[in-house]
Protein backbone atom coordinates (compact mmCIF):
# COMPACT_ATOMS: atom_id res chain seq x y z
CA UNK A 1 -4.21 -5.03 -2.54
CA UNK A 2 -1.04 -4.65 -0.47
CA UNK A 3 1.83 -2.47 0.53
CA UNK A 4 5.48 -3.60 0.40
CA UNK A 5 8.47 -2.87 2.59
CA UNK A 6 12.07 -3.75 1.75
CA UNK A 7 14.52 -3.43 4.62
CA UNK A 8 18.26 -3.82 4.01
CA UNK A 9 17.61 -6.11 1.02
CA UNK A 10 20.76 -7.48 -0.61
CA UNK A 11 21.58 -9.89 -3.41
CA UNK A 12 24.95 -11.59 -3.88
CA UNK A 13 26.06 -13.93 -6.65
CA UNK A 14 29.13 -15.90 -5.65
CA UNK A 15 30.54 -13.07 -3.58
CA UNK A 16 29.59 -10.41 -6.13
CA UNK A 17 27.15 -7.88 -4.67
CA UNK A 18 24.37 -6.88 -7.08
CA UNK A 19 21.81 -5.30 -4.73
CA UNK A 20 23.55 -3.48 -1.92
CA UNK A 21 21.08 -2.86 0.87
CA UNK A 22 17.80 -1.44 -0.43
CA UNK A 23 15.36 0.23 1.96
CA UNK A 24 12.07 1.07 0.30
CA UNK A 25 8.39 1.40 1.17
CA UNK A 26 5.71 1.07 -1.51
CA UNK A 27 2.24 2.12 -0.47
CA UNK A 28 -0.96 0.20 -1.16
CA UNK A 29 -2.29 1.17 -4.60
CA UNK A 30 0.87 3.06 -5.59
CA UNK A 31 2.47 2.92 -9.03
CA UNK A 32 6.25 2.81 -8.55
CA UNK A 33 8.76 2.65 -11.40
CA UNK A 34 12.34 1.35 -11.10
CA UNK A 35 14.74 3.04 -13.54
CA UNK A 36 18.47 3.00 -14.08
CA UNK A 37 21.13 2.03 -16.61
CA UNK A 38 21.63 -1.52 -17.81
CA UNK A 39 23.05 -3.69 -15.06
CA UNK A 40 21.95 -1.40 -12.23
CA UNK A 41 19.91 -4.16 -10.55
CA UNK A 42 16.35 -3.01 -11.27
CA UNK A 43 15.17 -6.29 -12.83
CA UNK A 44 16.99 -8.31 -10.17
CA UNK A 45 15.21 -6.35 -7.46
CA UNK A 46 11.85 -6.95 -9.17
CA UNK A 47 12.56 -10.68 -9.41
CA UNK A 48 13.44 -10.77 -5.70
CA UNK A 49 10.05 -9.24 -4.90
CA UNK A 50 8.41 -11.85 -7.14
CA UNK A 51 10.28 -14.71 -5.46
CA UNK A 52 12.14 -15.67 -8.63
CA UNK A 53 15.45 -14.71 -6.99
CA UNK A 54 16.38 -15.46 -3.39
CA UNK A 55 17.09 -12.58 -1.03
CA UNK A 56 20.65 -12.89 0.27
CA UNK A 57 20.03 -10.61 3.24
CA UNK A 58 17.36 -8.25 4.54
CA UNK A 59 13.59 -8.50 4.76
CA UNK A 60 10.70 -8.27 2.31
CA UNK A 61 7.25 -7.66 3.78
CA UNK A 62 4.11 -7.84 1.64
CA UNK A 63 0.89 -6.71 3.24
CA UNK A 64 2.60 -6.62 6.62
CA UNK A 65 3.80 -10.24 6.41
CA UNK A 66 7.37 -11.44 5.95
CA UNK A 67 7.64 -12.88 2.44
CA UNK A 68 11.31 -13.94 2.21
CA UNK A 69 10.56 -17.65 2.39
CA UNK A 70 7.22 -17.68 0.59
CA UNK A 71 7.05 -19.37 -2.81
CA UNK A 72 6.20 -17.12 -5.77
CA UNK A 73 2.65 -18.50 -5.98
CA UNK A 74 2.01 -17.72 -2.31
CA UNK A 75 3.06 -14.05 -2.45
CA UNK A 76 -0.12 -12.76 -4.09
CA UNK A 77 1.91 -11.35 -6.97
CA UNK A 78 1.48 -11.51 -10.74
CA UNK A 79 4.30 -10.65 -13.12
CA UNK A 80 4.20 -9.44 -16.73
CA UNK A 81 7.43 -10.11 -18.60
CA UNK A 82 9.18 -8.47 -21.54
CA UNK A 83 8.39 -11.53 -23.66
CA UNK A 84 4.70 -12.33 -23.90
CA UNK A 85 5.29 -16.05 -23.15
CA UNK A 86 1.98 -17.10 -24.69
CA UNK A 87 1.28 -20.71 -25.61
CA UNK A 88 0.91 -20.70 -29.42
CA UNK A 89 -1.46 -23.69 -29.50
CA UNK A 90 -3.93 -22.17 -27.01
CA UNK A 91 -6.56 -19.52 -27.66
CA UNK A 92 -6.46 -16.12 -25.96
CA UNK A 93 -9.05 -17.29 -23.42
CA UNK A 94 -7.08 -20.47 -22.71
CA UNK A 95 -3.83 -18.52 -22.32
CA UNK A 96 -5.44 -16.09 -19.89
CA UNK A 97 -7.02 -18.86 -17.86
CA UNK A 98 -4.08 -21.29 -17.91
CA UNK A 99 -2.83 -20.36 -14.45
CA UNK A 100 -6.30 -20.71 -13.01
CA UNK A 101 -6.60 -24.24 -14.40
CA UNK A 102 -3.32 -25.18 -12.71
CA UNK A 103 -4.77 -23.89 -9.43
CA UNK A 104 -7.91 -26.03 -9.91
CA UNK A 105 -10.12 -22.95 -10.01
CA UNK A 106 -13.74 -23.98 -10.73
CA UNK A 107 -14.49 -23.68 -14.43
CA UNK A 108 -17.36 -21.21 -14.02
CA UNK A 109 -15.27 -18.89 -11.85
CA UNK A 110 -12.30 -19.10 -14.21
CA UNK A 111 -14.50 -18.30 -17.21
CA UNK A 112 -15.98 -15.30 -15.39
CA UNK A 113 -12.53 -13.98 -14.43
CA UNK A 114 -11.26 -14.30 -18.01
CA UNK A 115 -14.34 -12.53 -19.35
CA UNK A 116 -13.97 -9.73 -16.80
CA UNK A 117 -10.27 -9.23 -17.60
CA UNK A 118 -10.96 -9.29 -21.34
CA UNK A 119 -13.61 -6.59 -20.89
CA UNK A 120 -11.21 -4.41 -18.87
CA UNK A 121 -8.55 -4.76 -21.59
CA UNK A 122 -11.05 -4.46 -24.46
CA UNK A 123 -10.05 -7.78 -26.01
CA UNK A 124 -13.33 -9.70 -25.63
CA UNK A 125 -13.55 -10.06 -29.42
CA UNK A 126 -10.14 -11.79 -29.46
CA UNK A 127 -10.84 -14.58 -26.96
CA UNK A 128 -11.15 -17.32 -29.62
CA UNK A 129 -8.02 -16.33 -31.55
CA UNK A 130 -4.54 -17.85 -31.35
CA UNK A 131 -1.46 -15.69 -30.52
CA UNK A 132 -0.25 -15.88 -34.14
CA UNK A 133 -3.38 -13.97 -35.17
CA UNK A 134 -2.65 -11.05 -32.83
CA UNK A 135 -0.59 -7.88 -33.12
CA UNK A 136 2.19 -7.13 -30.65
CA UNK A 137 -0.01 -4.79 -28.65
CA UNK A 138 -2.81 -7.37 -28.51
CA UNK A 139 -0.40 -10.05 -27.31
CA UNK A 140 0.78 -7.75 -24.55
CA UNK A 141 -2.83 -7.17 -23.49
CA UNK A 142 -3.29 -10.93 -23.27
CA UNK A 143 -0.17 -11.21 -21.10
CA UNK A 144 -1.54 -8.49 -18.82
CA UNK A 145 -4.93 -10.22 -18.79
CA UNK A 146 -3.27 -13.43 -17.64
CA UNK A 147 -1.99 -11.45 -14.64
CA UNK A 148 -5.35 -9.78 -13.94
CA UNK A 149 -7.30 -13.04 -13.72
CA UNK A 150 -5.14 -14.12 -10.80
CA UNK A 151 -6.48 -11.14 -8.82
CA UNK A 152 -3.06 -10.48 -7.27
CA UNK A 153 -2.19 -8.09 -4.45
CA UNK A 154 0.70 -6.67 -6.48
CA UNK A 155 1.39 -6.41 -10.22
CA UNK A 156 5.02 -6.52 -11.39
CA UNK A 157 6.00 -5.38 -14.90
CA UNK A 158 9.48 -6.12 -16.27
CA UNK A 159 10.02 -3.86 -19.31
CA UNK A 160 6.71 -5.00 -20.82
CA UNK A 161 6.69 -2.56 -23.75
CA UNK A 162 10.25 -2.85 -25.01
CA UNK A 163 9.26 -5.15 -27.90
CA UNK A 164 6.70 -2.69 -29.27
CA UNK A 165 7.21 0.14 -31.75
CA UNK A 166 6.96 3.75 -30.61
CA UNK A 167 3.29 4.24 -31.49
CA UNK A 168 2.22 1.01 -29.78
CA UNK A 169 4.31 1.87 -26.70
CA UNK A 170 2.40 5.14 -26.38
CA UNK A 171 -0.93 3.34 -26.70
CA UNK A 172 0.04 0.69 -24.16
CA UNK A 173 1.31 3.30 -21.70
CA UNK A 174 -2.16 4.79 -21.78
CA UNK A 175 -3.70 1.34 -21.31
CA UNK A 176 -1.51 0.55 -18.31
CA UNK A 177 -2.24 3.94 -16.74
CA UNK A 178 -5.96 3.34 -17.22
CA UNK A 179 -5.63 -0.16 -15.79
CA UNK A 180 -3.95 1.19 -12.67
CA UNK A 181 -6.68 3.80 -12.26
CA UNK A 182 -9.48 1.25 -12.75
CA UNK A 183 -8.04 -1.50 -10.56
CA UNK A 184 -6.46 0.70 -7.89
CA UNK A 185 -3.75 -1.97 -7.68
CA UNK A 186 -0.23 -1.75 -6.34
CA UNK A 187 2.07 -1.81 -9.37
CA UNK A 188 5.85 -1.97 -9.68
CA UNK A 189 7.25 -1.34 -13.13
CA UNK A 190 10.80 -1.72 -14.45
CA UNK A 191 11.89 0.22 -17.51
CA UNK A 192 14.94 1.80 -19.12
CA UNK A 193 12.64 4.30 -20.85
CA UNK A 194 12.37 7.44 -18.77
CA UNK A 195 9.35 8.64 -20.77
CA UNK A 196 7.47 5.61 -19.43
CA UNK A 197 8.77 6.35 -15.95
CA UNK A 198 7.86 10.04 -16.01
CA UNK A 199 4.36 9.49 -17.43
CA UNK A 200 3.29 6.41 -15.43
CA UNK A 201 4.85 6.70 -11.99
CA UNK A 202 3.47 8.05 -8.75
CA UNK A 203 7.08 7.73 -7.59
CA UNK A 204 10.31 6.80 -9.35
CA UNK A 205 13.14 4.79 -7.79
CA UNK A 206 16.46 5.58 -9.47
CA UNK A 207 19.04 2.80 -9.11
CA UNK A 208 22.71 2.67 -9.98
CA UNK A 209 25.16 -0.08 -9.12
CA UNK A 210 22.61 -1.84 -6.91
CA UNK A 211 22.08 1.26 -4.76
CA UNK A 212 18.99 3.46 -4.59
CA UNK A 213 20.10 6.94 -5.59
CA UNK A 214 16.83 8.80 -5.08
CA UNK A 215 13.12 8.13 -4.64
CA UNK A 216 10.48 10.72 -5.42
CA UNK A 217 7.74 12.04 -7.65
CA UNK A 218 8.79 12.46 -11.29
CA UNK A 219 8.63 16.25 -11.13
CA UNK A 220 10.70 16.32 -7.92
CA UNK A 221 13.46 14.20 -9.46
CA UNK A 222 13.44 16.42 -12.54
CA UNK A 223 13.54 19.69 -10.61
CA UNK A 224 15.66 18.73 -7.64
CA UNK A 225 17.96 15.75 -8.32
CA UNK A 226 20.00 14.75 -5.28
CA UNK A 227 23.23 14.10 -7.17
CA UNK A 228 24.78 14.36 -10.62
CA UNK A 229 23.86 10.78 -11.52
CA UNK A 230 20.13 11.41 -11.07
CA UNK A 231 20.47 14.81 -12.75
CA UNK A 232 22.09 13.19 -15.78
CA UNK A 233 19.75 10.22 -15.96
CA UNK A 234 16.38 11.94 -15.55
CA UNK A 235 15.31 14.35 -18.27
CA UNK A 236 15.52 14.50 -22.06
CA UNK A 237 17.56 15.91 -23.67
CA UNK A 238 20.29 15.18 -21.16
CA UNK A 239 21.37 17.56 -18.43
CA UNK A 240 24.27 19.91 -19.20
CA UNK A 241 27.28 19.67 -16.88
CA UNK A 242 29.86 22.46 -16.79
CA UNK A 243 33.00 22.43 -14.61
CA UNK A 244 33.20 25.58 -12.47
CA UNK A 245 35.10 26.92 -9.50
CA UNK A 246 33.33 27.86 -6.29
CA UNK A 247 35.09 31.06 -5.22
CA UNK A 248 33.22 31.63 -1.96
CA UNK A 249 30.28 30.45 0.14
CA UNK A 250 27.94 32.53 2.26
CA UNK A 251 24.40 32.07 3.58
CA UNK A 252 23.69 28.95 1.53
CA UNK A 253 24.83 30.64 -1.69
CA UNK A 254 27.93 29.95 -3.75
CA UNK A 255 29.79 32.41 -5.94
CA UNK A 256 30.99 30.46 -8.98
CA UNK A 257 33.04 31.25 -12.04
CA UNK A 258 34.51 29.46 -15.04
CA UNK A 259 35.64 30.09 -18.57
CA UNK A 260 32.53 31.44 -20.24
CA UNK A 261 30.43 31.25 -17.06
CA UNK A 262 29.93 33.73 -14.27
CA UNK A 263 30.72 35.06 -11.92
CA UNK A 264 27.25 34.14 -10.68
CA UNK A 265 25.69 33.43 -7.28
CA UNK A 266 23.73 30.15 -7.10
CA UNK A 267 22.37 27.90 -4.35
CA UNK A 268 25.24 25.96 -2.77
CA UNK A 269 23.39 22.66 -2.54
CA UNK A 270 25.77 19.98 -1.27
CA UNK A 271 28.84 22.18 -1.79
CA UNK A 272 30.47 22.90 1.57
CA UNK A 273 33.78 24.51 0.64
CA UNK A 274 35.38 26.53 -2.18
CA UNK A 275 37.02 24.66 -5.04
CA UNK A 276 36.07 22.64 -8.13
CA UNK A 277 32.38 21.84 -8.66
CA UNK A 278 29.91 20.92 -11.37
CA UNK A 279 27.24 23.36 -12.53
CA UNK A 280 24.25 21.53 -14.01
CA UNK A 281 21.44 23.06 -16.01
CA UNK A 282 18.58 21.65 -18.07
CA UNK A 283 18.54 22.36 -21.83
CA UNK A 284 15.02 23.74 -21.39
CA UNK A 285 16.38 26.39 -18.98
CA UNK A 286 18.74 27.93 -21.56
CA UNK A 287 17.21 30.89 -23.40
CA UNK A 288 18.51 32.51 -26.62
CA UNK A 289 18.94 35.98 -25.18
CA UNK A 290 21.11 37.97 -22.81
CA UNK A 291 18.76 39.45 -20.24
CA UNK A 292 20.30 41.68 -17.59
CA UNK A 293 19.32 39.35 -14.73
CA UNK A 294 20.65 36.18 -16.41
CA UNK A 295 24.15 34.76 -16.88
CA UNK A 296 25.33 34.49 -20.51
CA UNK A 297 26.86 31.56 -22.39
CA UNK A 298 28.53 32.57 -25.66
CA UNK A 299 29.10 30.06 -28.44
CA UNK A 300 28.12 28.90 -31.91
CA UNK A 301 25.58 26.45 -33.25
CA UNK A 302 27.06 23.07 -34.21
CA UNK A 303 23.94 21.06 -35.02
CA UNK A 304 20.17 21.54 -35.04
CA UNK A 305 17.74 18.68 -34.31
CA UNK A 306 14.35 19.93 -35.48
CA UNK A 307 11.46 18.16 -33.73
CA UNK A 308 8.58 20.27 -35.03
CA UNK A 309 7.32 22.32 -32.11
CA UNK A 310 10.83 22.52 -30.65
CA UNK A 311 14.45 22.36 -31.78
CA UNK A 312 17.39 20.88 -29.88
CA UNK A 313 20.43 23.10 -30.37
CA UNK A 314 23.89 21.55 -30.03
CA UNK A 315 26.04 24.48 -28.97
CA UNK A 316 29.82 24.76 -28.70
CA UNK A 317 30.76 27.40 -26.15
CA UNK A 318 33.75 29.68 -26.78
CA UNK A 319 35.30 27.95 -23.74
CA UNK A 320 35.20 24.64 -25.67
CA UNK A 321 32.36 23.00 -23.72
CA UNK A 322 29.41 21.41 -25.50
CA UNK A 323 25.89 22.10 -24.26
CA UNK A 324 22.34 21.41 -25.42
CA UNK A 325 19.48 23.90 -25.47
CA UNK A 326 15.80 23.47 -26.34
CA UNK A 327 14.19 26.37 -28.22
CA UNK A 328 10.86 26.91 -30.00
CA UNK A 329 10.68 25.16 -33.36
CA UNK A 330 10.01 28.37 -35.27
CA UNK A 331 13.19 30.09 -34.08
CA UNK A 332 15.43 30.76 -37.09
CA UNK A 333 18.92 29.37 -36.42
CA UNK A 334 21.68 28.05 -38.70
CA UNK A 335 24.71 25.81 -38.04
CA UNK A 336 27.82 27.93 -37.51
CA UNK A 337 25.82 30.89 -36.24
CA UNK A 338 27.24 32.73 -33.23
CA UNK A 339 24.68 32.98 -30.47
CA UNK A 340 24.34 33.84 -26.81
CA UNK A 341 22.20 31.75 -24.49
CA UNK A 342 21.57 32.65 -20.88
CA UNK A 343 20.27 31.03 -17.72
CA UNK A 344 18.70 32.12 -14.46
CA UNK A 345 20.69 31.27 -11.29
CA UNK A 346 17.55 29.64 -9.83
CA UNK A 347 17.65 27.01 -12.63
CA UNK A 348 21.16 25.83 -11.70
CA UNK A 349 22.17 22.96 -9.42
CA UNK A 350 25.70 22.58 -8.05
CA UNK A 351 27.26 19.18 -7.38
CA UNK A 352 30.66 18.15 -6.07
CA UNK A 353 33.24 17.61 -8.80
CA UNK A 354 33.64 14.01 -7.59
CA UNK A 355 30.06 13.28 -8.76
CA UNK A 356 30.84 13.79 -12.41
CA UNK A 357 32.84 10.75 -13.69
CA UNK A 358 30.81 8.27 -15.73
CA UNK A 359 27.59 10.25 -15.42
CA UNK A 360 25.06 9.82 -18.24
CA UNK A 361 25.14 12.75 -20.59
CA UNK A 362 28.53 14.02 -19.41
CA UNK A 363 30.32 15.79 -22.24
CA UNK A 364 33.69 14.18 -23.02
């Protein structure tokens, strides 16, 4: 297997900058997931690693060797696409071994590789079938098997589960996680689905506008986002953002207040001076009570989204702001009901007011 290093990597299309100087190290055997909104550059960055897009500037090293000018077939990489791209007239075994035949791999070796990959993916019984005889999940396994037989240094996945229904996506997430564990391979995975990112990744790379916003373990990005974009993008339901005023700063703490909020002392974060700021808090951190050591939010229930074990409460504060809260599913609430939620200062993150425009999940 191999590690990867991207240093100052850029991509321009006719003077339009798409990837704007990415520095990233991916360790040997690591599972890294690229996430971000549509058009953020995550698939372009993956294709640059694969050699399907030229690097405009910067350096890509794979296994300690410069790979900028290597052809895709010489990079030791296998890619699994969103579309299965299976040949309908070939059997599963022939589809999986097609690349090996192009490389003039001896027939006995190719047959053994296909059999080994089929066993790993539990599709040995499907080897004689045609793609039209397979379910969506089985076709995706064949596409992954086609990558495995190449014995690559790095696996690349470009939204491989987006064509599957919810149940199949869950099953295939488990399969891919098991595959990573069994092969110990370096894997880079692009998705717009943060559930996939949070459940599969050793580390997540959050991109926006061709710029890496933050890199870290899923739990670290969830608990300690570096800016309002990451805070709003990671986590479901979305992060709540409330405009507040920082009245004073002292010893790394900020005294904040707003209509319906505060005054409350919270960690200052990146706030360096008094003035407008954004208070962010996860829906899971809001509790339907008014404990003495917590700050209250007064409002009324607008909508309830009952999920079984939990309920998402759409709350309209008396100040006019909309927020979301997650409560136990057996809590008795009704639309229109007045209620007080509260939060602990330790659960709050402050961001500069300039971070807020166009953030995912921002109330309008």
